[in-house]
Amino acid sequence: MVRTTSRARRALLAAAAALLLSGCATVGPGGPEPPGVPASTAAQDELLASAEHRLVVDCLDARGLTLTARPRAPDEDRTFQAALFGAGPRELSVTLATGATVTAHEDGCLATARHRLYGDQRRWFRAQVTVDNLRAEAQARMRSDPAHQAALARWTRCASPPGHPRPDRPDPAVAARCARETGLADVRARLEAAELVTVRTLHREELTTYRQLRDRALRRAVALSASTHPQKGSTHS
C-alpha cells in the first residue's frame, strides 16, 4: 500500500484550506438553512471541509492509497500526487477579470470528492474561483479610479524620503501614517465598497450558482456526517 509523505499530507490540507477560504467571500443572505446544517458560516465551512476530507480518503482507499506521514519512494510519491490531484493537462480553467488564470485537474480524488459534494465540478470550480476573487477584482477596478490615483500620488510623495525616490518597501509605520494623512486609506475604503457592489452585480450568475451548489454540498455533508456518526436509538426490553 502506498503511503503519503508529510509534504503530500500538507498539500491535501492546503487544498482543503482553499475550500475554507470560500467562506470568506460574502455572497449575501440566503434562506433558512436545511435541517442539520449549522447556522454560522464558520461551522458550515468546517462541515464541508470534513466531508471533503472523508470523500478524498475514501477515494484514495479505493485506489489502494492512504494518508499517513510515513516517508515513501519518489515513484510512489508521484503515484500518490497523481491520484490525489490528477495528472496530465489541467482541464479546468478560469480567466478572471484581473487577468489571472486559475487552473485545476478534473480527475484525481480531490476533484472526485468535490464532484460528489457539489454535483458539478466544472460549475463549482468556475463559481468558487470567481466568488473567491471578487475583492481582488474590485481592488483592480478601484486602482484605475482618478480619486485613488490622486490619493496614491500624495501617499508616494509622503512616503518618499526628501531628495530620494520612494523605497520599494517603506517603513510600515511611515506607510500607515501617510495613508491616514493623505486620505488614501479613506479613499480605498470608499471605492472598494462601491466596486464590490458593482462586481457582485456583474457576477450575479456565478454568485447564484455558488449559493445553489454550496447549499447542495451542505446537505450532502450532513448526510455523510450522519452516516459516519449515526444516532443511537433507544432500546426497549
Protein backbone atom coordinates (compact mmCIF):
# COMPACT_ATOMS: atom_id res chain seq x y z
CA MET A 1 0.00 0.00 0.00
CA VAL A 2 1.35 3.45 -0.92
CA ARG A 3 1.61 5.96 1.92
CA THR A 4 1.92 9.73 1.85
CA THR A 5 4.82 11.90 2.88
CA SER A 6 4.19 14.78 5.25
CA ARG A 7 4.56 17.06 2.19
CA ALA A 8 1.71 15.30 0.43
CA ARG A 9 -0.36 15.47 3.59
CA ARG A 10 0.25 19.21 3.79
CA ALA A 11 -0.79 19.52 0.14
CA LEU A 12 -4.11 17.91 0.96
CA LEU A 13 -4.62 20.22 3.90
CA ALA A 14 -3.78 23.20 1.71
CA ALA A 15 -6.34 22.06 -0.85
CA ALA A 16 -8.92 21.76 1.91
CA ALA A 17 -7.98 25.25 3.07
CA ALA A 18 -8.90 26.57 -0.37
CA LEU A 19 -12.39 25.35 0.31
CA LEU A 20 -12.39 27.02 3.72
CA LEU A 21 -11.38 30.31 2.16
CA SER A 22 -14.51 30.31 0.07
CA GLY A 23 -16.39 31.17 3.24
CA CYS A 24 -14.50 34.47 3.38
CA ALA A 25 -16.34 35.70 0.28
CA THR A 26 -19.61 37.32 1.27
CA VAL A 27 -22.33 36.09 -1.04
CA GLY A 28 -25.32 37.72 0.57
CA PRO A 29 -28.14 36.42 2.74
CA GLY A 30 -29.93 33.25 1.78
CA GLY A 31 -32.98 31.45 3.04
CA PRO A 32 -33.24 29.32 6.17
CA GLU A 33 -30.68 26.55 6.41
CA PRO A 34 -31.85 22.98 5.69
CA PRO A 35 -32.27 20.69 8.73
CA GLY A 36 -28.95 19.67 10.21
CA VAL A 37 -26.95 22.43 8.51
CA PRO A 38 -25.22 24.71 11.06
CA ALA A 39 -26.18 28.38 11.01
CA SER A 40 -22.75 30.01 11.13
CA THR A 41 -20.51 30.24 8.08
CA ALA A 42 -17.51 29.01 10.08
CA ALA A 43 -19.35 25.86 11.17
CA GLN A 44 -20.57 25.28 7.61
CA ASP A 45 -17.02 25.58 6.31
CA GLU A 46 -15.84 23.07 8.89
CA LEU A 47 -18.62 20.67 7.90
CA LEU A 48 -17.74 20.97 4.21
CA ALA A 49 -14.01 20.52 4.84
CA SER A 50 -14.69 17.40 6.94
CA ALA A 51 -16.96 15.91 4.28
CA GLU A 52 -14.46 16.65 1.52
CA HIS A 53 -11.67 15.06 3.54
CA ARG A 54 -13.72 11.92 4.09
CA LEU A 55 -14.56 11.61 0.39
CA VAL A 56 -10.89 12.10 -0.56
CA VAL A 57 -9.82 9.43 1.92
CA ASP A 58 -12.47 7.02 0.59
CA CYS A 59 -11.35 7.68 -3.00
CA LEU A 60 -7.70 7.09 -2.18
CA ASP A 61 -8.58 3.96 -0.23
CA ALA A 62 -10.37 2.59 -3.29
CA ARG A 63 -7.09 3.00 -5.18
CA GLY A 64 -5.07 1.26 -2.51
CA LEU A 65 -3.62 4.51 -1.15
CA THR A 66 -3.82 6.06 2.29
CA LEU A 67 -2.96 9.28 4.10
CA THR A 68 -0.13 8.83 6.60
CA ALA A 69 3.07 10.66 7.41
CA ARG A 70 5.47 7.80 6.65
CA PRO A 71 8.20 8.50 4.03
CA ARG A 72 7.90 6.88 0.63
CA ALA A 73 9.90 6.31 -2.53
CA PRO A 74 9.82 9.02 -5.26
CA ASP A 75 7.86 6.87 -7.69
CA GLU A 76 5.27 6.15 -5.02
CA ASP A 77 5.03 9.87 -4.26
CA ARG A 78 4.33 10.62 -7.93
CA THR A 79 1.66 7.93 -7.93
CA PHE A 80 0.03 9.45 -4.89
CA GLN A 81 0.16 13.01 -6.21
CA ALA A 82 -1.48 11.92 -9.47
CA ALA A 83 -4.17 10.03 -7.58
CA LEU A 84 -4.88 12.98 -5.30
CA PHE A 85 -4.61 15.96 -7.63
CA GLY A 86 -4.92 14.41 -11.11
CA ALA A 87 -2.43 14.09 -13.94
CA GLY A 88 -1.80 15.41 -17.43
CA PRO A 89 -3.10 18.74 -18.77
CA ARG A 90 -5.39 20.67 -16.45
CA GLU A 91 -8.92 20.51 -17.81
CA LEU A 92 -10.47 23.28 -15.69
CA SER A 93 -9.53 26.90 -16.35
CA VAL A 94 -10.99 30.26 -15.39
CA THR A 95 -9.52 33.59 -16.52
CA LEU A 96 -10.52 36.33 -14.13
CA ALA A 97 -11.26 39.96 -14.92
CA THR A 98 -7.93 40.81 -13.26
CA GLY A 99 -6.15 38.85 -16.00
CA ALA A 100 -5.08 35.98 -13.74
CA THR A 101 -5.89 32.43 -14.84
CA VAL A 102 -6.70 29.68 -12.33
CA THR A 103 -6.49 26.04 -13.44
CA ALA A 104 -7.18 22.65 -11.90
CA HIS A 105 -7.46 18.99 -12.83
CA GLU A 106 -10.83 17.40 -13.41
CA ASP A 107 -9.55 13.95 -12.41
CA GLY A 108 -7.97 12.89 -9.15
CA CYS A 109 -9.55 12.20 -5.79
CA LEU A 110 -9.81 15.85 -4.79
CA ALA A 111 -11.84 16.62 -7.92
CA THR A 112 -13.90 13.46 -7.41
CA ALA A 113 -14.70 14.48 -3.84
CA ARG A 114 -15.81 17.94 -4.89
CA HIS A 115 -17.91 16.50 -7.70
CA ARG A 116 -19.68 14.25 -5.22
CA LEU A 117 -20.23 17.12 -2.82
CA TYR A 118 -21.23 19.88 -5.22
CA GLY A 119 -22.77 17.82 -8.00
CA ASP A 120 -20.93 19.54 -10.86
CA GLN A 121 -17.19 20.03 -10.53
CA ARG A 122 -16.89 22.34 -13.54
CA ARG A 123 -19.71 24.68 -12.42
CA TRP A 124 -18.44 24.70 -8.84
CA PHE A 125 -14.86 25.44 -9.88
CA ARG A 126 -15.89 28.41 -12.02
CA ALA A 127 -18.28 29.79 -9.38
CA GLN A 128 -15.90 29.32 -6.47
CA VAL A 129 -12.89 30.84 -8.22
CA THR A 130 -14.97 33.83 -9.30
CA VAL A 131 -16.51 34.42 -5.87
CA ASP A 132 -13.17 33.98 -4.10
CA ASN A 133 -11.69 36.75 -6.28
CA LEU A 134 -14.49 39.33 -6.14
CA ARG A 135 -12.49 41.52 -3.78
CA ALA A 136 -9.38 41.31 -5.96
CA GLU A 137 -11.46 42.37 -8.96
CA ALA A 138 -12.96 45.26 -7.01
CA GLN A 139 -9.49 46.40 -5.97
CA ALA A 140 -8.25 46.24 -9.55
CA ARG A 141 -11.15 48.43 -10.68
CA MET A 142 -10.53 50.80 -7.79
CA ARG A 143 -6.91 51.37 -8.80
CA SER A 144 -7.98 52.90 -12.12
CA ASP A 145 -10.22 55.47 -10.41
CA PRO A 146 -8.84 59.05 -10.65
CA ALA A 147 -9.55 59.66 -6.95
CA HIS A 148 -7.46 56.65 -6.00
CA GLN A 149 -4.66 57.59 -8.38
CA ALA A 150 -4.53 61.10 -6.91
CA ALA A 151 -4.50 59.80 -3.33
CA LEU A 152 -1.81 57.26 -4.22
CA ALA A 153 0.35 60.04 -5.72
CA ARG A 154 0.01 62.03 -2.45
CA TRP A 155 0.93 58.90 -0.47
CA THR A 156 4.00 58.31 -2.65
CA ARG A 157 5.25 61.83 -2.00
CA CYS A 158 4.61 61.41 1.71
CA ALA A 159 6.38 58.04 1.93
CA SER A 160 9.43 59.16 -0.09
CA PRO A 161 12.49 60.43 1.84
CA PRO A 162 13.38 64.04 0.95
CA GLY A 163 15.51 64.11 -2.18
CA HIS A 164 15.23 60.34 -2.72
CA PRO A 165 12.86 58.05 -4.63
CA ARG A 166 10.26 56.15 -2.66
CA PRO A 167 11.74 52.88 -1.34
CA ASP A 168 10.25 49.64 -2.62
CA ARG A 169 9.26 48.76 0.95
CA PRO A 170 8.60 51.88 3.02
CA ASP A 171 8.73 51.54 6.77
CA PRO A 172 5.33 50.13 7.86
CA ALA A 173 4.79 52.92 10.39
CA VAL A 174 5.55 55.56 7.74
CA ALA A 175 3.29 53.84 5.20
CA ALA A 176 0.40 53.72 7.68
CA ARG A 177 0.86 57.34 8.74
CA CYS A 178 0.96 58.54 5.13
CA ALA A 179 -2.15 56.50 4.28
CA ARG A 180 -4.02 58.37 7.01
CA GLU A 181 -2.59 61.81 6.32
CA THR A 182 -3.07 61.71 2.54
CA GLY A 183 -6.57 60.26 2.73
CA LEU A 184 -5.52 57.14 0.81
CA ALA A 185 -6.97 54.80 3.45
CA ASP A 186 -10.37 56.55 3.34
CA VAL A 187 -10.41 56.66 -0.47
CA ARG A 188 -9.60 52.95 -0.68
CA ALA A 189 -12.30 52.00 1.82
CA ARG A 190 -14.93 54.06 -0.02
CA LEU A 191 -14.03 52.96 -3.54
CA GLU A 192 -13.55 49.29 -2.66
CA ALA A 193 -17.01 49.11 -1.08
CA ALA A 194 -18.58 50.71 -4.15
CA GLU A 195 -16.67 48.47 -6.57
CA LEU A 196 -17.67 45.37 -4.61
CA VAL A 197 -21.30 46.26 -5.24
CA THR A 198 -20.50 46.61 -8.94
CA VAL A 199 -18.62 43.33 -9.33
CA ARG A 200 -21.27 41.43 -7.35
CA THR A 201 -23.81 42.73 -9.86
CA LEU A 202 -21.59 41.78 -12.79
CA HIS A 203 -21.19 38.25 -11.39
CA ARG A 204 -24.68 37.65 -10.03
CA GLU A 205 -24.99 34.49 -12.13
CA GLU A 206 -21.84 32.99 -10.59
CA LEU A 207 -23.00 34.08 -7.13
CA THR A 208 -26.32 32.33 -7.64
CA THR A 209 -24.55 29.17 -8.79
CA TYR A 210 -22.19 29.40 -5.82
CA ARG A 211 -25.09 29.57 -3.36
CA GLN A 212 -27.01 26.74 -5.03
CA LEU A 213 -24.06 24.34 -5.20
CA ARG A 214 -22.86 25.21 -1.71
CA ASP A 215 -26.34 24.51 -0.31
CA ARG A 216 -26.33 21.20 -2.14
CA ALA A 217 -22.93 20.36 -0.70
CA LEU A 218 -24.04 21.24 2.82
CA ARG A 219 -26.99 18.86 2.59
CA ARG A 220 -24.70 16.16 1.25
CA ALA A 221 -22.18 16.83 4.03
CA VAL A 222 -24.90 16.48 6.66
CA ALA A 223 -25.91 13.12 5.18
CA LEU A 224 -22.28 11.97 5.16
CA SER A 225 -21.80 13.07 8.75
CA ALA A 226 -24.95 11.21 9.80
CA SER A 227 -23.72 8.03 8.13
CA THR A 228 -20.38 8.36 9.91
CA HIS A 229 -21.88 9.16 13.30
CA PRO A 230 -25.32 7.53 13.38
CA GLN A 231 -27.55 8.48 16.27
CA LYS A 232 -28.13 5.73 18.77
CA GLY A 233 -31.74 4.81 19.20
CA SER A 234 -33.31 3.83 22.45
CA THR A 235 -33.68 0.14 23.29
CA HIS A 236 -36.69 -1.49 24.83
CA SER A 237 -36.75 -4.69 26.80
